[in-house]
Protein backbone atom coordinates (compact mmCIF):
# COMPACT_ATOMS: atom_id res chain seq x y z
CA UNK A 1 41.79 6.28 -113.55
CA UNK A 2 45.00 7.27 -115.33
CA UNK A 3 45.56 4.32 -117.70
CA UNK A 4 43.06 4.08 -120.54
CA UNK A 5 44.45 1.54 -123.01
CA UNK A 6 41.69 -1.00 -123.64
CA UNK A 7 39.28 0.64 -121.18
CA UNK A 8 35.68 1.05 -122.24
CA UNK A 9 34.72 4.68 -121.75
CA UNK A 10 31.31 6.21 -122.34
CA UNK A 11 31.20 9.98 -122.84
CA UNK A 12 27.83 11.66 -122.30
CA UNK A 13 27.55 14.89 -124.29
CA UNK A 14 29.44 15.87 -127.45
CA UNK A 15 29.97 19.56 -126.77
CA UNK A 16 33.32 21.31 -126.38
CA UNK A 17 34.50 19.24 -123.41
CA UNK A 18 33.20 15.93 -124.72
CA UNK A 19 34.83 16.42 -128.11
CA UNK A 20 38.26 17.18 -126.62
CA UNK A 21 38.00 14.27 -124.21
CA UNK A 22 36.93 11.82 -126.91
CA UNK A 23 39.98 12.74 -128.99
CA UNK A 24 42.28 12.44 -125.97
CA UNK A 25 40.98 9.05 -124.84
CA UNK A 26 40.90 7.57 -128.34
CA UNK A 27 44.53 8.59 -128.70
CA UNK A 28 45.37 6.61 -125.57
CA UNK A 29 43.81 3.40 -126.72
CA UNK A 30 40.46 3.61 -124.95
CA UNK A 31 37.38 2.08 -126.53
CA UNK A 32 35.34 5.28 -126.70
CA UNK A 33 31.61 5.59 -127.18
CA UNK A 34 30.00 9.03 -127.30
CA UNK A 35 26.31 9.52 -126.61
CA UNK A 36 24.42 12.75 -127.27
CA UNK A 37 20.70 13.45 -127.18
CA UNK A 38 21.05 15.48 -130.38
CA UNK A 39 20.93 13.82 -133.78
CA UNK A 40 23.72 13.67 -136.34
CA UNK A 41 22.63 16.71 -138.36
CA UNK A 42 22.96 18.93 -135.26
CA UNK A 43 26.49 17.70 -134.51
CA UNK A 44 28.27 18.38 -137.79
CA UNK A 45 31.13 20.39 -136.26
CA UNK A 46 32.17 18.03 -133.43
CA UNK A 47 31.73 14.97 -135.64
CA UNK A 48 33.97 16.53 -138.28
CA UNK A 49 36.58 17.29 -135.61
CA UNK A 50 36.65 13.62 -134.62
CA UNK A 51 36.48 12.20 -138.14
CA UNK A 52 38.77 9.22 -138.67
CA UNK A 53 39.16 8.35 -135.00
CA UNK A 54 38.02 4.94 -133.69
CA UNK A 55 34.98 6.27 -131.83
CA UNK A 56 31.48 4.79 -131.68
CA UNK A 57 28.45 7.08 -131.56
CA UNK A 58 24.97 6.73 -130.09
CA UNK A 59 23.06 9.83 -131.15
CA UNK A 60 19.51 10.98 -130.54
CA UNK A 61 19.30 9.70 -126.97
CA UNK A 62 21.05 7.87 -124.15
CA UNK A 63 19.92 4.21 -124.13
CA UNK A 64 20.81 2.40 -120.91
CA UNK A 65 22.27 -0.52 -122.87
CA UNK A 66 25.33 1.66 -123.49
CA UNK A 67 26.40 1.00 -119.89
CA UNK A 68 27.03 -2.70 -120.48
CA UNK A 69 30.69 -3.49 -119.86
CA UNK A 70 31.66 0.16 -119.38
CA UNK A 71 34.64 0.92 -117.11
CA UNK A 72 34.13 4.69 -116.86
CA UNK A 73 31.40 7.22 -117.63
CA UNK A 74 32.54 10.77 -118.42
CA UNK A 75 29.88 13.44 -118.07
CA UNK A 76 30.17 16.71 -119.98
CA UNK A 77 29.48 19.85 -117.95
CA UNK A 78 26.10 20.57 -119.50
CA UNK A 79 24.67 17.14 -118.64
CA UNK A 80 22.79 16.97 -115.30
CA UNK A 81 23.59 14.01 -113.07
CA UNK A 82 19.84 13.29 -112.91
CA UNK A 83 19.82 12.18 -116.56
CA UNK A 84 18.65 8.53 -116.39
CA UNK A 85 21.80 7.01 -117.90
CA UNK A 86 24.05 8.89 -115.45
CA UNK A 87 21.81 8.04 -112.50
CA UNK A 88 21.85 4.38 -113.54
CA UNK A 89 25.65 4.41 -113.88
CA UNK A 90 25.90 5.70 -110.31
CA UNK A 91 23.45 3.05 -109.11
CA UNK A 92 25.60 0.34 -110.70
CA UNK A 93 28.75 1.75 -109.15
CA UNK A 94 30.37 2.72 -112.45
CA UNK A 95 32.91 5.51 -111.77
CA UNK A 96 32.06 8.99 -113.06
CA UNK A 97 34.62 11.46 -114.34
CA UNK A 98 35.08 14.33 -116.76
CA UNK A 99 37.79 16.09 -118.74
CA UNK A 100 38.80 18.31 -115.80
CA UNK A 101 39.21 15.34 -113.45
CA UNK A 102 41.33 13.39 -115.93
CA UNK A 103 43.43 16.46 -116.66
CA UNK A 104 44.15 17.02 -112.95
CA UNK A 105 45.06 13.37 -112.46
CA UNK A 106 47.60 13.47 -115.30
CA UNK A 107 48.91 17.04 -115.38
CA UNK A 108 52.67 17.20 -114.64
CA UNK A 109 52.59 20.92 -113.72
CA UNK A 110 51.23 22.66 -110.61
CA UNK A 111 47.58 23.63 -111.08
CA UNK A 112 45.84 26.65 -109.58
CA UNK A 113 42.09 25.99 -109.53
CA UNK A 114 39.62 28.85 -109.13
CA UNK A 115 35.90 28.72 -108.47
CA UNK A 116 33.19 31.00 -107.13
CA UNK A 117 29.70 32.19 -107.91
CA UNK A 118 31.06 35.40 -109.43
CA UNK A 119 34.43 36.72 -110.53
CA UNK A 120 36.15 33.44 -111.35
CA UNK A 121 36.84 34.24 -115.01
CA UNK A 122 38.38 37.62 -114.14
CA UNK A 123 40.42 36.09 -111.32
CA UNK A 124 41.60 33.27 -113.57
CA UNK A 125 42.76 35.78 -116.19
CA UNK A 126 44.52 37.96 -113.60
CA UNK A 127 46.23 34.97 -111.99
CA UNK A 128 47.49 33.72 -115.33
CA UNK A 129 48.96 37.14 -116.11
CA UNK A 130 50.73 37.16 -112.73
CA UNK A 131 52.28 33.79 -113.54
CA UNK A 132 53.41 35.01 -116.94
CA UNK A 133 54.85 38.18 -115.41
CA UNK A 134 56.91 35.91 -113.15
CA UNK A 135 58.41 34.31 -116.24
CA UNK A 136 56.41 31.08 -116.08
CA UNK A 137 54.98 29.40 -119.15
CA UNK A 138 51.29 29.42 -118.28
CA UNK A 139 48.25 27.54 -119.55
CA UNK A 140 44.70 28.75 -118.98
CA UNK A 141 41.46 26.84 -119.40
CA UNK A 142 38.86 24.67 -117.75
CA UNK A 143 35.48 26.36 -117.84
CA UNK A 144 36.88 29.03 -120.18
CA UNK A 145 38.74 28.76 -123.45
CA UNK A 146 39.73 25.41 -124.84
CA UNK A 147 39.56 22.30 -122.64
CA UNK A 148 43.00 21.82 -121.09
CA UNK A 149 42.93 18.09 -121.80
CA UNK A 150 43.75 19.01 -125.41
CA UNK A 151 47.04 20.62 -124.28
CA UNK A 152 48.14 17.97 -121.81
CA UNK A 153 50.95 16.49 -123.90
CA UNK A 154 52.53 19.94 -124.36
CA UNK A 155 52.54 20.89 -120.66
CA UNK A 156 55.81 20.46 -118.76
CA UNK A 157 56.56 20.12 -115.04
CA UNK A 158 57.97 23.66 -114.83
CA UNK A 159 54.86 25.25 -116.35
CA UNK A 160 51.88 26.60 -114.45
CA UNK A 161 48.21 25.89 -115.13
CA UNK A 162 45.39 28.21 -114.10
CA UNK A 163 42.06 26.45 -114.26
CA UNK A 164 38.58 27.91 -113.88
CA UNK A 165 36.25 25.28 -112.45
CA UNK A 166 32.47 25.51 -112.40
CA UNK A 167 30.10 23.68 -110.08
CA UNK A 168 29.01 21.58 -113.07
CA UNK A 169 32.55 20.25 -113.43
CA UNK A 170 33.28 19.98 -109.72
CA UNK A 171 30.22 17.95 -108.74
CA UNK A 172 31.70 14.66 -110.05
CA UNK A 173 35.35 15.33 -109.24
CA UNK A 174 37.39 13.34 -106.72
CA UNK A 175 40.66 15.19 -107.31
CA UNK A 176 41.36 18.74 -106.11
CA UNK A 177 44.03 21.06 -107.51
CA UNK A 178 47.04 21.55 -105.22
CA UNK A 179 46.29 25.28 -105.08
CA UNK A 180 42.57 26.08 -104.93
CA UNK A 181 40.65 29.31 -104.46
CA UNK A 182 36.98 29.72 -103.56
CA UNK A 183 36.12 33.37 -104.22
CA UNK A 184 32.54 33.41 -102.94
CA UNK A 185 29.39 31.30 -102.83
CA UNK A 186 26.00 32.90 -103.42
CA UNK A 187 22.79 31.41 -104.87
CA UNK A 188 23.46 30.36 -108.47
CA UNK A 189 22.57 27.53 -110.85
CA UNK A 190 19.82 26.33 -108.53
CA UNK A 191 17.85 25.21 -111.58
CA UNK A 192 20.58 22.58 -111.94
CA UNK A 193 21.58 21.88 -108.32
CA UNK A 194 18.08 22.34 -106.84
CA UNK A 195 19.32 23.36 -103.36
CA UNK A 196 22.04 25.59 -101.94
CA UNK A 197 23.33 22.58 -100.02
CA UNK A 198 23.91 20.66 -103.26
CA UNK A 199 25.49 23.70 -104.90
CA UNK A 200 27.86 24.21 -101.96
CA UNK A 201 28.71 20.49 -101.95
CA UNK A 202 29.76 20.73 -105.60
CA UNK A 203 31.93 23.79 -104.95
CA UNK A 204 33.49 22.07 -101.92
CA UNK A 205 35.13 19.48 -104.16
CA UNK A 206 37.75 22.02 -105.24
CA UNK A 207 39.31 21.66 -101.77
CA UNK A 208 37.76 18.44 -100.42
CA UNK A 209 40.44 16.15 -101.85
CA UNK A 210 43.51 18.25 -101.11
CA UNK A 211 46.40 16.92 -99.05
CA UNK A 212 48.06 18.55 -96.04
CA UNK A 213 50.72 19.97 -98.38
CA UNK A 214 48.20 21.77 -100.61
CA UNK A 215 46.87 25.33 -100.38
CA UNK A 216 43.27 26.52 -100.05
CA UNK A 217 42.41 30.21 -100.41
CA UNK A 218 38.92 31.08 -99.20
CA UNK A 219 37.09 34.37 -99.73
CA UNK A 220 36.13 34.57 -96.07
CA UNK A 221 34.76 38.11 -96.19
CA UNK A 222 32.54 37.23 -99.15
CA UNK A 223 31.44 33.75 -98.12
C-alpha cells in the first residue's frame, strides 16, 4: 500500500518505530489508531511527540474490536506476530506492514539493505561511509538510529540509503531492497522465532522479493 489518504491504519506498539510511523501516516491523511499494551503514564514521551495530530489511542491492551474496518495493520518490531490481535488480523486477511516496508515502497533513492545474525550494524556504518566517500548524500537507519520513514520527504533520487534490517522487521515484509546483503545466519532470537526455520524464513525476506535486476550479496563462507 502506497496511498494512505482516508485509509484506516492500526499501529500496534508505540515505541520508536510506531511513533515515527504514526506521524508519517497521519500527515498523509490516514485515519490512524495506535494501540499499546502500556498505559498512558508510561508513554509520556511518544504521546508528547504526537501531540496535536489526529490520532486515536487504545492504551493498556489490544482489544480485537480495533480491527473492525481496518485496511492495514502495522506491527512495530518489538511486537511478536503471535500477539492475539496480530494473529486475528492475519486470520481475517488484513494486510500487515511496518515502517520499513512502507519506507521501501515509497523511497525514491536506491536502498542497500543489510541483515545478519552478527555484524550488521558495523557493516551498515562502513557501507554508509563508503557511499559518502564516493560523494553521495547518504541516509542511514532502519534497525539503528532514527526510523527512516521520518526522513522520507527529504530523500532524493540521487541519494543513497543504507538500511539495517532485523528479523523482527523482515518477518512481515513483502518488499526487498534492490541491493541486499545477508552477512551470516546463526542461532539468534529463538525466544521470538521459536525455530531456526522461522528465523531463517524471516531473514530470507530481504532477498525473497527482489527482481532479476536487483543484487543479493550472501556471506557464503559464514552461512
